[in-house]
Amino acid sequence: MYTLEKRNLFWDTEAGKIDIQKNARFVIERVLQYGDEEDFRWALDMYGADVLKDVLKKSRVLDKKSHNFWCMYFTINPEQCFPKQSIGKQGAFLRR
């Protein structure tokens, strides 16, 4: 579990305080966004490809570049991969 101890992935958490089951989505998103190949292999072994794909499809945290890369890696249709933005009313400060 060396991956969970990396400060470049979990800079805002206490070392050893991450529950890998309760916080699976958080861990996977951090690995997909900031991890290296070793971290990805660890996540793949720990959670499985289906769980990683599910998190990828629902994530609103990953940047577009990471989303695009992982969609291509897992051969997911880009329309399924990018989360839909809400089309609700904008706040007053967002209007032009």
PDB file of N, CA and C in Angstrom:
ATOM      1  N   MET A   1       0.816  -1.191   0.000  1.00  0.00           N
ATOM      2  CA  MET A   1       0.000   0.000   0.000  1.00  0.00           C
ATOM      3  C   MET A   1       0.859   1.254   0.000  1.00  0.00           C
ATOM      4  N   TYR A   2       1.959   1.188  -0.654  1.00  0.00           N
ATOM      5  CA  TYR A   2       2.851   2.332  -0.786  1.00  0.00           C
ATOM      6  C   TYR A   2       2.154   3.504  -1.461  1.00  0.00           C
ATOM      7  N   THR A   3       1.238   3.218  -2.363  1.00  0.00           N
ATOM      8  CA  THR A   3       0.506   4.263  -3.081  1.00  0.00           C
ATOM      9  C   THR A   3      -0.221   5.185  -2.117  1.00  0.00           C
ATOM     10  N   LEU A   4      -0.827   4.643  -1.078  1.00  0.00           N
ATOM     11  CA  LEU A   4      -1.575   5.457  -0.128  1.00  0.00           C
ATOM     12  C   LEU A   4      -0.689   6.362   0.716  1.00  0.00           C
ATOM     13  N   GLU A   5       0.601   6.129   0.702  1.00  0.00           N
ATOM     14  CA  GLU A   5       1.534   6.932   1.493  1.00  0.00           C
ATOM     15  C   GLU A   5       2.176   8.052   0.684  1.00  0.00           C
ATOM     16  N   LYS A   6       1.880   8.137  -0.597  1.00  0.00           N
ATOM     17  CA  LYS A   6       2.498   9.151  -1.452  1.00  0.00           C
ATOM     18  C   LYS A   6       1.886  10.524  -1.187  1.00  0.00           C
ATOM     19  N   ARG A   7       2.742  11.468  -0.862  1.00  0.00           N
ATOM     20  CA  ARG A   7       2.287  12.830  -0.560  1.00  0.00           C
ATOM     21  C   ARG A   7       1.831  13.568  -1.821  1.00  0.00           C
ATOM     22  N   ASN A   8       2.357  13.207  -2.984  1.00  0.00           N
ATOM     23  CA  ASN A   8       1.905  13.871  -4.209  1.00  0.00           C
ATOM     24  C   ASN A   8       0.477  13.458  -4.592  1.00  0.00           C
ATOM     25  N   LEU A   9      -0.018  12.359  -4.047  1.00  0.00           N
ATOM     26  CA  LEU A   9      -1.396  11.933  -4.290  1.00  0.00           C
ATOM     27  C   LEU A   9      -2.339  12.384  -3.177  1.00  0.00           C
ATOM     28  N   PHE A  10      -1.882  12.273  -1.955  1.00  0.00           N
ATOM     29  CA  PHE A  10      -2.742  12.529  -0.796  1.00  0.00           C
ATOM     30  C   PHE A  10      -2.112  13.567   0.124  1.00  0.00           C
ATOM     31  N   TRP A  11      -1.859  14.731  -0.436  1.00  0.00           N
ATOM     32  CA  TRP A  11      -1.200  15.803   0.297  1.00  0.00           C
ATOM     33  C   TRP A  11      -2.081  16.392   1.389  1.00  0.00           C
ATOM     34  N   ASP A  12      -3.390  16.218   1.285  1.00  0.00           N
ATOM     35  CA  ASP A  12      -4.317  16.848   2.213  1.00  0.00           C
ATOM     36  C   ASP A  12      -4.940  15.869   3.207  1.00  0.00           C
ATOM     37  N   THR A  13      -4.342  14.702   3.347  1.00  0.00           N
ATOM     38  CA  THR A  13      -4.853  13.706   4.293  1.00  0.00           C
ATOM     39  C   THR A  13      -3.728  13.261   5.220  1.00  0.00           C
ATOM     40  N   GLU A  14      -4.118  12.715   6.365  1.00  0.00           N
ATOM     41  CA  GLU A  14      -3.128  12.170   7.281  1.00  0.00           C
ATOM     42  C   GLU A  14      -2.679  10.807   6.775  1.00  0.00           C
ATOM     43  N   ALA A  15      -1.395  10.568   6.867  1.00  0.00           N
ATOM     44  CA  ALA A  15      -0.843   9.282   6.421  1.00  0.00           C
ATOM     45  C   ALA A  15      -1.473   8.152   7.220  1.00  0.00           C
ATOM     46  N   GLY A  16      -1.907   7.125   6.509  1.00  0.00           N
ATOM     47  CA  GLY A  16      -2.479   5.952   7.148  1.00  0.00           C
ATOM     48  C   GLY A  16      -3.925   6.098   7.580  1.00  0.00           C
ATOM     49  N   LYS A  17      -4.576   7.213   7.278  1.00  0.00           N
ATOM     50  CA  LYS A  17      -5.952   7.449   7.726  1.00  0.00           C
ATOM     51  C   LYS A  17      -6.984   7.252   6.622  1.00  0.00           C
ATOM     52  N   ILE A  18      -6.580   6.800   5.467  1.00  0.00           N
ATOM     53  CA  ILE A  18      -7.514   6.622   4.358  1.00  0.00           C
ATOM     54  C   ILE A  18      -8.064   5.206   4.376  1.00  0.00           C
ATOM     55  N   ASP A  19      -9.372   5.101   4.430  1.00  0.00           N
ATOM     56  CA  ASP A  19     -10.046   3.798   4.349  1.00  0.00           C
ATOM     57  C   ASP A  19     -10.267   3.507   2.865  1.00  0.00           C
ATOM     58  N   ILE A  20      -9.581   2.486   2.352  1.00  0.00           N
ATOM     59  CA  ILE A  20      -9.615   2.241   0.908  1.00  0.00           C
ATOM     60  C   ILE A  20     -10.968   1.744   0.404  1.00  0.00           C
ATOM     61  N   GLN A  21     -11.820   1.267   1.287  1.00  0.00           N
ATOM     62  CA  GLN A  21     -13.152   0.850   0.859  1.00  0.00           C
ATOM     63  C   GLN A  21     -14.142   2.006   0.946  1.00  0.00           C
ATOM     64  N   LYS A  22     -14.165   2.702   2.072  1.00  0.00           N
ATOM     65  CA  LYS A  22     -15.092   3.829   2.246  1.00  0.00           C
ATOM     66  C   LYS A  22     -14.758   4.979   1.304  1.00  0.00           C
ATOM     67  N   ASN A  23     -13.491   5.200   1.077  1.00  0.00           N
ATOM     68  CA  ASN A  23     -13.035   6.318   0.261  1.00  0.00           C
ATOM     69  C   ASN A  23     -12.531   5.872  -1.103  1.00  0.00           C
ATOM     70  N   ALA A  24     -13.112   4.830  -1.642  1.00  0.00           N
ATOM     71  CA  ALA A  24     -12.645   4.266  -2.911  1.00  0.00           C
ATOM     72  C   ALA A  24     -12.689   5.283  -4.043  1.00  0.00           C
ATOM     73  N   ARG A  25     -13.781   6.003  -4.151  1.00  0.00           N
ATOM     74  CA  ARG A  25     -13.897   6.976  -5.246  1.00  0.00           C
ATOM     75  C   ARG A  25     -12.820   8.050  -5.135  1.00  0.00           C
ATOM     76  N   PHE A  26     -12.609   8.564  -3.946  1.00  0.00           N
ATOM     77  CA  PHE A  26     -11.576   9.580  -3.703  1.00  0.00           C
ATOM     78  C   PHE A  26     -10.200   9.053  -4.097  1.00  0.00           C
ATOM     79  N   VAL A  27      -9.882   7.840  -3.665  1.00  0.00           N
ATOM     80  CA  VAL A  27      -8.577   7.239  -3.958  1.00  0.00           C
ATOM     81  C   VAL A  27      -8.405   7.041  -5.456  1.00  0.00           C
ATOM     82  N   ILE A  28      -9.418   6.504  -6.113  1.00  0.00           N
ATOM     83  CA  ILE A  28      -9.338   6.243  -7.552  1.00  0.00           C
ATOM     84  C   ILE A  28      -9.185   7.535  -8.333  1.00  0.00           C
ATOM     85  N   GLU A  29      -9.947   8.561  -7.972  1.00  0.00           N
ATOM     86  CA  GLU A  29      -9.832   9.832  -8.678  1.00  0.00           C
ATOM     87  C   GLU A  29      -8.433  10.425  -8.531  1.00  0.00           C
ATOM     88  N   ARG A  30      -7.867  10.336  -7.348  1.00  0.00           N
ATOM     89  CA  ARG A  30      -6.514  10.863  -7.150  1.00  0.00           C
ATOM     90  C   ARG A  30      -5.488  10.075  -7.963  1.00  0.00           C
ATOM     91  N   VAL A  31      -5.641   8.762  -7.996  1.00  0.00           N
ATOM     92  CA  VAL A  31      -4.707   7.932  -8.767  1.00  0.00           C
ATOM     93  C   VAL A  31      -4.832   8.231 -10.255  1.00  0.00           C
ATOM     94  N   LEU A  32      -6.061   8.350 -10.757  1.00  0.00           N
ATOM     95  CA  LEU A  32      -6.254   8.633 -12.181  1.00  0.00           C
ATOM     96  C   LEU A  32      -5.772  10.030 -12.557  1.00  0.00           C
ATOM     97  N   GLN A  33      -5.864  10.971 -11.634  1.00  0.00           N
ATOM     98  CA  GLN A  33      -5.452  12.349 -11.923  1.00  0.00           C
ATOM     99  C   GLN A  33      -3.943  12.560 -11.749  1.00  0.00           C
ATOM    100  N   TYR A  34      -3.378  12.043 -10.656  1.00  0.00           N
ATOM    101  CA  TYR A  34      -1.996  12.392 -10.309  1.00  0.00           C
ATOM    102  C   TYR A  34      -1.037  11.208 -10.220  1.00  0.00           C
ATOM    103  N   GLY A  35      -1.564  10.002 -10.322  1.00  0.00           N
ATOM    104  CA  GLY A  35      -0.720   8.829 -10.107  1.00  0.00           C
ATOM    105  C   GLY A  35       0.166   8.472 -11.286  1.00  0.00           C
ATOM    106  N   ASP A  36       1.107   7.579 -11.006  1.00  0.00           N
ATOM    107  CA  ASP A  36       1.974   7.062 -12.058  1.00  0.00           C
ATOM    108  C   ASP A  36       1.528   5.637 -12.404  1.00  0.00           C
ATOM    109  N   GLU A  37       2.307   4.967 -13.227  1.00  0.00           N
ATOM    110  CA  GLU A  37       1.932   3.623 -13.677  1.00  0.00           C
ATOM    111  C   GLU A  37       1.817   2.642 -12.510  1.00  0.00           C
ATOM    112  N   GLU A  38       2.718   2.735 -11.568  1.00  0.00           N
ATOM    113  CA  GLU A  38       2.684   1.856 -10.392  1.00  0.00           C
ATOM    114  C   GLU A  38       1.409   2.076  -9.582  1.00  0.00           C
ATOM    115  N   ASP A  39       0.992   3.318  -9.415  1.00  0.00           N
ATOM    116  CA  ASP A  39      -0.238   3.636  -8.688  1.00  0.00           C
ATOM    117  C   ASP A  39      -1.457   3.094  -9.431  1.00  0.00           C
ATOM    118  N   PHE A  40      -1.451   3.238 -10.746  1.00  0.00           N
ATOM    119  CA  PHE A  40      -2.563   2.727 -11.544  1.00  0.00           C
ATOM    120  C   PHE A  40      -2.669   1.209 -11.427  1.00  0.00           C
ATOM    121  N   ARG A  41      -1.543   0.515 -11.512  1.00  0.00           N
ATOM    122  CA  ARG A  41      -1.552  -0.950 -11.380  1.00  0.00           C
ATOM    123  C   ARG A  41      -2.075  -1.365 -10.006  1.00  0.00           C
ATOM    124  N   TRP A  42      -1.685  -0.622  -8.980  1.00  0.00           N
ATOM    125  CA  TRP A  42      -2.170  -0.912  -7.625  1.00  0.00           C
ATOM    126  C   TRP A  42      -3.693  -0.755  -7.573  1.00  0.00           C
ATOM    127  N   ALA A  43      -4.210   0.360  -8.118  1.00  0.00           N
ATOM    128  CA  ALA A  43      -5.651   0.610  -8.104  1.00  0.00           C
ATOM    129  C   ALA A  43      -6.397  -0.443  -8.921  1.00  0.00           C
ATOM    130  N   LEU A  44      -5.823  -0.831 -10.035  1.00  0.00           N
ATOM    131  CA  LEU A  44      -6.440  -1.849 -10.877  1.00  0.00           C
ATOM    132  C   LEU A  44      -6.520  -3.184 -10.138  1.00  0.00           C
ATOM    133  N   ASP A  45      -5.460  -3.545  -9.434  1.00  0.00           N
ATOM    134  CA  ASP A  45      -5.464  -4.782  -8.647  1.00  0.00           C
ATOM    135  C   ASP A  45      -6.411  -4.694  -7.450  1.00  0.00           C
ATOM    136  N   MET A  46      -6.454  -3.522  -6.824  1.00  0.00           N
ATOM    137  CA  MET A  46      -7.261  -3.341  -5.615  1.00  0.00           C
ATOM    138  C   MET A  46      -8.754  -3.291  -5.920  1.00  0.00           C
ATOM    139  N   TYR A  47      -9.141  -2.550  -6.957  1.00  0.00           N
ATOM    140  CA  TYR A  47     -10.559  -2.293  -7.210  1.00  0.00           C
ATOM    141  C   TYR A  47     -11.111  -3.001  -8.448  1.00  0.00           C
ATOM    142  N   GLY A  48     -10.266  -3.286  -9.412  1.00  0.00           N
ATOM    143  CA  GLY A  48     -10.724  -3.914 -10.647  1.00  0.00           C
ATOM    144  C   GLY A  48     -11.086  -2.879 -11.700  1.00  0.00           C
ATOM    145  N   ALA A  49     -11.028  -3.281 -12.943  1.00  0.00           N
ATOM    146  CA  ALA A  49     -11.262  -2.375 -14.067  1.00  0.00           C
ATOM    147  C   ALA A  49     -12.681  -1.827 -14.089  1.00  0.00           C
ATOM    148  N   ASP A  50     -13.670  -2.642 -13.725  1.00  0.00           N
ATOM    149  CA  ASP A  50     -15.057  -2.188 -13.770  1.00  0.00           C
ATOM    150  C   ASP A  50     -15.313  -1.038 -12.804  1.00  0.00           C
ATOM    151  N   VAL A  51     -14.737  -1.115 -11.620  1.00  0.00           N
ATOM    152  CA  VAL A  51     -14.914  -0.048 -10.632  1.00  0.00           C
ATOM    153  C   VAL A  51     -14.210   1.225 -11.104  1.00  0.00           C
ATOM    154  N   LEU A  52     -13.007   1.086 -11.648  1.00  0.00           N
ATOM    155  CA  LEU A  52     -12.289   2.244 -12.159  1.00  0.00           C
ATOM    156  C   LEU A  52     -13.069   2.916 -13.285  1.00  0.00           C
ATOM    157  N   LYS A  53     -13.642   2.132 -14.179  1.00  0.00           N
ATOM    158  CA  LYS A  53     -14.438   2.683 -15.275  1.00  0.00           C
ATOM    159  C   LYS A  53     -15.671   3.411 -14.741  1.00  0.00           C
ATOM    160  N   ASP A  54     -16.322   2.831 -13.749  1.00  0.00           N
ATOM    161  CA  ASP A  54     -17.521   3.443 -13.177  1.00  0.00           C
ATOM    162  C   ASP A  54     -17.188   4.794 -12.545  1.00  0.00           C
ATOM    163  N   VAL A  55     -16.098   4.847 -11.798  1.00  0.00           N
ATOM    164  CA  VAL A  55     -15.673   6.109 -11.184  1.00  0.00           C
ATOM    165  C   VAL A  55     -15.328   7.123 -12.269  1.00  0.00           C
ATOM    166  N   LEU A  56     -14.657   6.686 -13.302  1.00  0.00           N
ATOM    167  CA  LEU A  56     -14.277   7.567 -14.404  1.00  0.00           C
ATOM    168  C   LEU A  56     -15.506   8.179 -15.065  1.00  0.00           C
ATOM    169  N   LYS A  57     -16.527   7.386 -15.283  1.00  0.00           N
ATOM    170  CA  LYS A  57     -17.733   7.872 -15.939  1.00  0.00           C
ATOM    171  C   LYS A  57     -18.486   8.895 -15.092  1.00  0.00           C
ATOM    172  N   LYS A  58     -18.390   8.782 -13.773  1.00  0.00           N
ATOM    173  CA  LYS A  58     -19.155   9.654 -12.880  1.00  0.00           C
ATOM    174  C   LYS A  58     -18.356  10.820 -12.317  1.00  0.00           C
ATOM    175  N   SER A  59     -17.060  10.813 -12.496  1.00  0.00           N
ATOM    176  CA  SER A  59     -16.211  11.811 -11.856  1.00  0.00           C
ATOM    177  C   SER A  59     -16.403  13.210 -12.430  1.00  0.00           C
ATOM    178  N   ARG A  60     -16.505  14.174 -11.535  1.00  0.00           N
ATOM    179  CA  ARG A  60     -16.539  15.583 -11.914  1.00  0.00           C
ATOM    180  C   ARG A  60     -15.267  16.280 -11.446  1.00  0.00           C
ATOM    181  N   VAL A  61     -14.329  15.510 -10.927  1.00  0.00           N
ATOM    182  CA  VAL A  61     -13.093  16.059 -10.371  1.00  0.00           C
ATOM    183  C   VAL A  61     -11.957  16.033 -11.393  1.00  0.00           C
ATOM    184  N   LEU A  62     -11.915  14.999 -12.202  1.00  0.00           N
ATOM    185  CA  LEU A  62     -10.818  14.851 -13.152  1.00  0.00           C
ATOM    186  C   LEU A  62     -10.855  15.945 -14.217  1.00  0.00           C
ATOM    187  N   ASP A  63      -9.675  16.422 -14.606  1.00  0.00           N
ATOM    188  CA  ASP A  63      -9.633  17.418 -15.669  1.00  0.00           C
ATOM    189  C   ASP A  63      -9.901  16.735 -17.016  1.00  0.00           C
ATOM    190  N   LYS A  64     -10.156  17.555 -18.039  1.00  0.00           N
ATOM    191  CA  LYS A  64     -10.530  17.014 -19.354  1.00  0.00           C
ATOM    192  C   LYS A  64      -9.433  16.152 -19.961  1.00  0.00           C
ATOM    193  N   LYS A  65      -8.200  16.549 -19.761  1.00  0.00           N
ATOM    194  CA  LYS A  65      -7.080  15.794 -20.324  1.00  0.00           C
ATOM    195  C   LYS A  65      -7.030  14.387 -19.728  1.00  0.00           C
ATOM    196  N   SER A  66      -7.176  14.285 -18.411  1.00  0.00           N
ATOM    197  CA  SER A  66      -7.175  12.969 -17.756  1.00  0.00           C
ATOM    198  C   SER A  66      -8.390  12.156 -18.170  1.00  0.00           C
ATOM    199  N   HIS A  67      -9.562  12.802 -18.201  1.00  0.00           N
ATOM    200  CA  HIS A  67     -10.775  12.109 -18.647  1.00  0.00           C
ATOM    201  C   HIS A  67     -10.569  11.518 -20.038  1.00  0.00           C
ATOM    202  N   ASN A  68     -10.069  12.329 -20.935  1.00  0.00           N
ATOM    203  CA  ASN A  68      -9.866  11.887 -22.306  1.00  0.00           C
ATOM    204  C   ASN A  68      -8.888  10.719 -22.378  1.00  0.00           C
ATOM    205  N   PHE A  69      -7.775  10.829 -21.671  1.00  0.00           N
ATOM    206  CA  PHE A  69      -6.783   9.758 -21.678  1.00  0.00           C
ATOM    207  C   PHE A  69      -7.380   8.445 -21.176  1.00  0.00           C
ATOM    208  N   TRP A  70      -8.048   8.486 -20.034  1.00  0.00           N
ATOM    209  CA  TRP A  70      -8.569   7.245 -19.452  1.00  0.00           C
ATOM    210  C   TRP A  70      -9.739   6.692 -20.253  1.00  0.00           C
ATOM    211  N   CYS A  71     -10.528   7.543 -20.881  1.00  0.00           N
ATOM    212  CA  CYS A  71     -11.592   7.045 -21.765  1.00  0.00           C
ATOM    213  C   CYS A  71     -10.983   6.294 -22.940  1.00  0.00           C
ATOM    214  N   MET A  72      -9.913   6.838 -23.489  1.00  0.00           N
ATOM    215  CA  MET A  72      -9.237   6.154 -24.588  1.00  0.00           C
ATOM    216  C   MET A  72      -8.594   4.859 -24.107  1.00  0.00           C
ATOM    217  N   TYR A  73      -7.983   4.884 -22.933  1.00  0.00           N
ATOM    218  CA  TYR A  73      -7.328   3.694 -22.387  1.00  0.00           C
ATOM    219  C   TYR A  73      -8.333   2.559 -22.199  1.00  0.00           C
ATOM    220  N   PHE A  74      -9.475   2.880 -21.608  1.00  0.00           N
ATOM    221  CA  PHE A  74     -10.492   1.855 -21.337  1.00  0.00           C
ATOM    222  C   PHE A  74     -11.451   1.652 -22.508  1.00  0.00           C
ATOM    223  N   THR A  75     -11.216   2.313 -23.620  1.00  0.00           N
ATOM    224  CA  THR A  75     -12.076   2.283 -24.811  1.00  0.00           C
ATOM    225  C   THR A  75     -13.546   2.528 -24.457  1.00  0.00           C
ATOM    226  N   ILE A  76     -13.764   3.633 -23.783  1.00  0.00           N
ATOM    227  CA  ILE A  76     -15.110   4.070 -23.418  1.00  0.00           C
ATOM    228  C   ILE A  76     -15.510   5.168 -24.387  1.00  0.00           C
ATOM    229  N   ASN A  77     -16.733   5.101 -24.851  1.00  0.00           N
ATOM    230  CA  ASN A  77     -17.262   6.136 -25.721  1.00  0.00           C
ATOM    231  C   ASN A  77     -17.175   7.474 -24.989  1.00  0.00           C
ATOM    232  N   PRO A  78     -16.574   8.490 -25.592  1.00  0.00           N
ATOM    233  CA  PRO A  78     -16.427   9.779 -24.917  1.00  0.00           C
ATOM    234  C   PRO A  78     -17.740  10.384 -24.434  1.00  0.00           C
ATOM    235  N   GLU A  79     -18.839  10.109 -25.129  1.00  0.00           N
ATOM    236  CA  GLU A  79     -20.134  10.630 -24.692  1.00  0.00           C
ATOM    237  C   GLU A  79     -20.549  10.040 -23.350  1.00  0.00           C
ATOM    238  N   GLN A  80     -20.125   8.808 -23.058  1.00  0.00           N
ATOM    239  CA  GLN A  80     -20.425   8.177 -21.778  1.00  0.00           C
ATOM    240  C   GLN A  80     -19.461   8.646 -20.697  1.00  0.00           C
ATOM    241  N   CYS A  81     -18.308   9.062 -21.117  1.00  0.00           N
ATOM    242  CA  CYS A  81     -17.231   9.324 -20.178  1.00  0.00           C
ATOM    243  C   CYS A  81     -17.315  10.695 -19.520  1.00  0.00           C
ATOM    244  N   PHE A  82     -17.669  11.709 -20.261  1.00  0.00           N
ATOM    245  CA  PHE A  82     -17.688  13.044 -19.683  1.00  0.00           C
ATOM    246  C   PHE A  82     -19.004  13.294 -18.978  1.00  0.00           C
ATOM    247  N   PRO A  83     -18.947  13.724 -17.724  1.00  0.00           N
ATOM    248  CA  PRO A  83     -20.191  13.972 -16.986  1.00  0.00           C
ATOM    249  C   PRO A  83     -20.964  15.128 -17.588  1.00  0.00           C
ATOM    250  N   LYS A  84     -22.253  14.995 -17.579  1.00  0.00           N
ATOM    251  CA  LYS A  84     -23.107  16.052 -18.102  1.00  0.00           C
ATOM    252  C   LYS A  84     -23.122  17.213 -17.111  1.00  0.00           C
ATOM    253  N   GLN A  85     -23.038  18.413 -17.637  1.00  0.00           N
ATOM    254  CA  GLN A  85     -23.126  19.601 -16.793  1.00  0.00           C
ATOM    255  C   GLN A  85     -24.592  19.930 -16.576  1.00  0.00           C
ATOM    256  N   SER A  86     -24.893  20.433 -15.399  1.00  0.00           N
ATOM    257  CA  SER A  86     -26.274  20.804 -15.137  1.00  0.00           C
ATOM    258  C   SER A  86     -26.627  22.017 -15.988  1.00  0.00           C
ATOM    259  N   ILE A  87     -27.857  22.080 -16.406  1.00  0.00           N
ATOM    260  CA  ILE A  87     -28.284  23.204 -17.240  1.00  0.00           C
ATOM    261  C   ILE A  87     -29.246  24.091 -16.461  1.00  0.00           C
ATOM    262  N   GLY A  88     -29.115  24.039 -15.158  1.00  0.00           N
ATOM    263  CA  GLY A  88     -29.969  24.878 -14.312  1.00  0.00           C
ATOM    264  C   GLY A  88     -29.605  26.335 -14.446  1.00  0.00           C
ATOM    265  N   LYS A  89     -30.322  27.154 -13.718  1.00  0.00           N
ATOM    266  CA  LYS A  89     -30.078  28.587 -13.771  1.00  0.00           C
ATOM    267  C   LYS A  89     -28.714  28.915 -13.181  1.00  0.00           C
ATOM    268  N   GLN A  90     -28.066  29.883 -13.784  1.00  0.00           N
ATOM    269  CA  GLN A  90     -26.787  30.346 -13.284  1.00  0.00           C
ATOM    270  C   GLN A  90     -27.008  31.341 -12.160  1.00  0.00           C
ATOM    271  N   GLY A  91     -26.042  31.364 -11.259  1.00  0.00           N
ATOM    272  CA  GLY A  91     -26.086  32.367 -10.202  1.00  0.00           C
ATOM    273  C   GLY A  91     -25.885  33.750 -10.792  1.00  0.00           C
ATOM    274  N   ALA A  92     -26.252  34.757 -10.053  1.00  0.00           N
ATOM    275  CA  ALA A  92     -26.182  36.136 -10.546  1.00  0.00           C
ATOM    276  C   ALA A  92     -24.761  36.529 -10.928  1.00  0.00           C
ATOM    277  N   PHE A  93     -23.778  36.065 -10.203  1.00  0.00           N
ATOM    278  CA  PHE A  93     -22.388  36.455 -10.503  1.00  0.00           C
ATOM    279  C   PHE A  93     -21.840  35.762 -11.740  1.00  0.00           C
ATOM    280  N   LEU A  94     -22.505  34.727 -12.249  1.00  0.00           N
ATOM    281  CA  LEU A  94     -22.047  34.027 -13.437  1.00  0.00           C
ATOM    282  C   LEU A  94     -22.636  34.587 -14.725  1.00  0.00           C
ATOM    283  N   ARG A  95     -23.698  35.339 -14.611  1.00  0.00           N
ATOM    284  CA  ARG A  95     -24.341  35.906 -15.803  1.00  0.00           C
ATOM    285  C   ARG A  95     -23.508  37.030 -16.375  1.00  0.00           C
ATOM    286  N   ARG A  96     -23.571  37.146 -17.668  1.00  0.00           N
ATOM    287  CA  ARG A  96     -22.836  38.239 -18.327  1.00  0.00           C
ATOM    288  C   ARG A  96     -23.779  39.265 -18.832  1.00  0.00           C
TER     289      ARG A  96
END
